[in-house]
Amino acid sequence: MAALDLFGRRWNLRIVWELQHGPVGFRALRQRCDNMSSSVLRQRLTELLDAKLVAQQPDAAYTLTDLGRGVYQALRPLGRWSDAWASALSEDGKD
């Protein structure tokens, strides 16, 4: 239930998704997340840091930890499913 609570908070999954390719600085991460407010991003990063899913590097960039990469791996099937869902919805719209 703790994981569902953490990931049910807006932006937490998006942050994990955006960090999948490697370290990202605060400003770049904010831009990738549709320019969410700085205060919300700080709060969400603090939650993910406390959960040990994200780490802050000495250069201040954020990166996924091993646990965070595990979360991303767990999300990949959901990403594939959402692609199929979007395709099915677009096919329905062509009728």
C-alpha atoms as a PDB file:
ATOM      1  CA  MET A   1       0.000   0.000   0.000  1.00  0.00           C
ATOM      2  CA  ALA A   2       2.915   2.361   0.673  1.00  0.00           C
ATOM      3  CA  ALA A   3       4.110   2.017  -2.929  1.00  0.00           C
ATOM      4  CA  LEU A   4       0.627   2.691  -4.291  1.00  0.00           C
ATOM      5  CA  ASP A   5       0.375   5.752  -2.058  1.00  0.00           C
ATOM      6  CA  LEU A   6       3.763   7.033  -3.230  1.00  0.00           C
ATOM      7  CA  PHE A   7       3.061   6.474  -6.913  1.00  0.00           C
ATOM      8  CA  GLY A   8      -0.496   7.718  -6.634  1.00  0.00           C
ATOM      9  CA  ARG A   9       0.830  11.192  -5.926  1.00  0.00           C
ATOM     10  CA  ARG A  10       0.842  13.333  -9.010  1.00  0.00           C
ATOM     11  CA  TRP A  11       4.195  13.583 -10.806  1.00  0.00           C
ATOM     12  CA  ASN A  12       6.089  10.839  -8.941  1.00  0.00           C
ATOM     13  CA  LEU A  13       5.779   8.294 -11.733  1.00  0.00           C
ATOM     14  CA  ARG A  14       6.521  10.981 -14.315  1.00  0.00           C
ATOM     15  CA  ILE A  15       9.758  11.878 -12.529  1.00  0.00           C
ATOM     16  CA  VAL A  16      10.832   8.228 -12.493  1.00  0.00           C
ATOM     17  CA  TRP A  17       9.936   7.993 -16.197  1.00  0.00           C
ATOM     18  CA  GLU A  18      11.950  11.114 -17.057  1.00  0.00           C
ATOM     19  CA  LEU A  19      15.026   9.839 -15.213  1.00  0.00           C
ATOM     20  CA  GLN A  20      15.082   6.531 -17.107  1.00  0.00           C
ATOM     21  CA  HIS A  21      17.888   7.581 -19.474  1.00  0.00           C
ATOM     22  CA  GLY A  22      20.249   8.963 -16.859  1.00  0.00           C
ATOM     23  CA  PRO A  23      20.919  11.940 -14.615  1.00  0.00           C
ATOM     24  CA  VAL A  24      18.943  15.135 -15.103  1.00  0.00           C
ATOM     25  CA  GLY A  25      19.357  18.517 -13.412  1.00  0.00           C
ATOM     26  CA  PHE A  26      16.511  20.248 -11.599  1.00  0.00           C
ATOM     27  CA  ARG A  27      15.696  22.796 -14.316  1.00  0.00           C
ATOM     28  CA  ALA A  28      15.787  20.232 -17.126  1.00  0.00           C
ATOM     29  CA  LEU A  29      13.645  17.843 -15.096  1.00  0.00           C
ATOM     30  CA  ARG A  30      11.141  20.615 -14.449  1.00  0.00           C
ATOM     31  CA  GLN A  31      10.947  21.328 -18.185  1.00  0.00           C
ATOM     32  CA  ARG A  32      10.504  17.638 -19.003  1.00  0.00           C
ATOM     33  CA  CYS A  33       7.631  17.548 -16.533  1.00  0.00           C
ATOM     34  CA  ASP A  34       5.653  20.247 -18.343  1.00  0.00           C
ATOM     35  CA  ASN A  35       7.117  23.040 -16.197  1.00  0.00           C
ATOM     36  CA  MET A  36       5.480  21.924 -12.970  1.00  0.00           C
ATOM     37  CA  SER A  37       5.988  24.360 -10.137  1.00  0.00           C
ATOM     38  CA  SER A  38       9.400  24.337  -8.486  1.00  0.00           C
ATOM     39  CA  SER A  39       7.898  23.774  -5.058  1.00  0.00           C
ATOM     40  CA  VAL A  40       5.977  20.692  -6.202  1.00  0.00           C
ATOM     41  CA  LEU A  41       9.040  19.279  -7.938  1.00  0.00           C
ATOM     42  CA  ARG A  42      11.128  19.785  -4.795  1.00  0.00           C
ATOM     43  CA  GLN A  43       8.467  18.080  -2.689  1.00  0.00           C
ATOM     44  CA  ARG A  44       8.177  15.119  -5.061  1.00  0.00           C
ATOM     45  CA  LEU A  45      11.949  14.747  -5.342  1.00  0.00           C
ATOM     46  CA  THR A  46      12.198  14.768  -1.544  1.00  0.00           C
ATOM     47  CA  GLU A  47       9.614  11.971  -1.375  1.00  0.00           C
ATOM     48  CA  LEU A  48      11.493   9.931  -3.983  1.00  0.00           C
ATOM     49  CA  LEU A  49      14.844  10.612  -2.276  1.00  0.00           C
ATOM     50  CA  ASP A  50      13.402   9.498   1.076  1.00  0.00           C
ATOM     51  CA  ALA A  51      12.032   6.351  -0.599  1.00  0.00           C
ATOM     52  CA  LYS A  52      15.536   5.685  -1.993  1.00  0.00           C
ATOM     53  CA  LEU A  53      14.254   5.586  -5.573  1.00  0.00           C
ATOM     54  CA  VAL A  54      16.145   8.698  -6.630  1.00  0.00           C
ATOM     55  CA  ALA A  55      19.587   9.958  -5.620  1.00  0.00           C
ATOM     56  CA  GLN A  56      21.170  13.358  -5.997  1.00  0.00           C
ATOM     57  CA  GLN A  57      24.645  13.343  -7.468  1.00  0.00           C
ATOM     58  CA  PRO A  58      27.473  15.651  -6.350  1.00  0.00           C
ATOM     59  CA  ASP A  59      26.827  17.857  -9.405  1.00  0.00           C
ATOM     60  CA  ALA A  60      23.200  18.241  -8.147  1.00  0.00           C
ATOM     61  CA  ALA A  61      21.682  16.146 -10.958  1.00  0.00           C
ATOM     62  CA  TYR A  62      19.079  13.554 -10.043  1.00  0.00           C
ATOM     63  CA  THR A  63      19.339   9.920 -11.033  1.00  0.00           C
ATOM     64  CA  LEU A  64      17.498   6.691 -10.402  1.00  0.00           C
ATOM     65  CA  THR A  65      18.917   4.337  -7.792  1.00  0.00           C
ATOM     66  CA  ASP A  66      18.895   0.581  -8.314  1.00  0.00           C
ATOM     67  CA  LEU A  67      15.469   0.515  -6.651  1.00  0.00           C
ATOM     68  CA  GLY A  68      14.301   3.324  -8.929  1.00  0.00           C
ATOM     69  CA  ARG A  69      15.496   1.459 -12.012  1.00  0.00           C
ATOM     70  CA  GLY A  70      13.510  -1.511 -10.734  1.00  0.00           C
ATOM     71  CA  VAL A  71      10.397   0.658 -10.622  1.00  0.00           C
ATOM     72  CA  TYR A  72      11.042   1.766 -14.193  1.00  0.00           C
ATOM     73  CA  GLN A  73      11.447  -1.870 -15.280  1.00  0.00           C
ATOM     74  CA  ALA A  74       8.150  -2.695 -13.590  1.00  0.00           C
ATOM     75  CA  LEU A  75       6.472   0.159 -15.501  1.00  0.00           C
ATOM     76  CA  ARG A  76       7.640  -0.979 -18.939  1.00  0.00           C
ATOM     77  CA  PRO A  77       4.783  -3.484 -19.439  1.00  0.00           C
ATOM     78  CA  LEU A  78       2.323  -0.743 -18.495  1.00  0.00           C
ATOM     79  CA  GLY A  79       3.938   1.494 -21.121  1.00  0.00           C
ATOM     80  CA  ARG A  80       3.519  -1.200 -23.767  1.00  0.00           C
ATOM     81  CA  TRP A  81      -0.091  -1.717 -22.730  1.00  0.00           C
ATOM     82  CA  SER A  82      -0.772   2.033 -22.911  1.00  0.00           C
ATOM     83  CA  ASP A  83       0.635   2.131 -26.466  1.00  0.00           C
ATOM     84  CA  ALA A  84      -1.750  -0.662 -27.478  1.00  0.00           C
ATOM     85  CA  TRP A  85      -4.613   1.121 -25.725  1.00  0.00           C
ATOM     86  CA  ALA A  86      -3.875   4.404 -27.521  1.00  0.00           C
ATOM     87  CA  SER A  87      -3.740   2.543 -30.826  1.00  0.00           C
ATOM     88  CA  ALA A  88      -7.080   0.859 -30.156  1.00  0.00           C
ATOM     89  CA  LEU A  89      -8.658   4.183 -29.238  1.00  0.00           C
ATOM     90  CA  SER A  90      -7.358   5.859 -32.383  1.00  0.00           C
ATOM     91  CA  GLU A  91      -8.704   2.953 -34.485  1.00  0.00           C
ATOM     92  CA  ASP A  92     -12.118   3.421 -32.874  1.00  0.00           C
ATOM     93  CA  GLY A  93     -12.036   7.096 -33.828  1.00  0.00           C
ATOM     94  CA  LYS A  94     -11.537   6.238 -37.515  1.00  0.00           C
ATOM     95  CA  ASP A  95     -14.953   4.581 -37.848  1.00  0.00           C
END
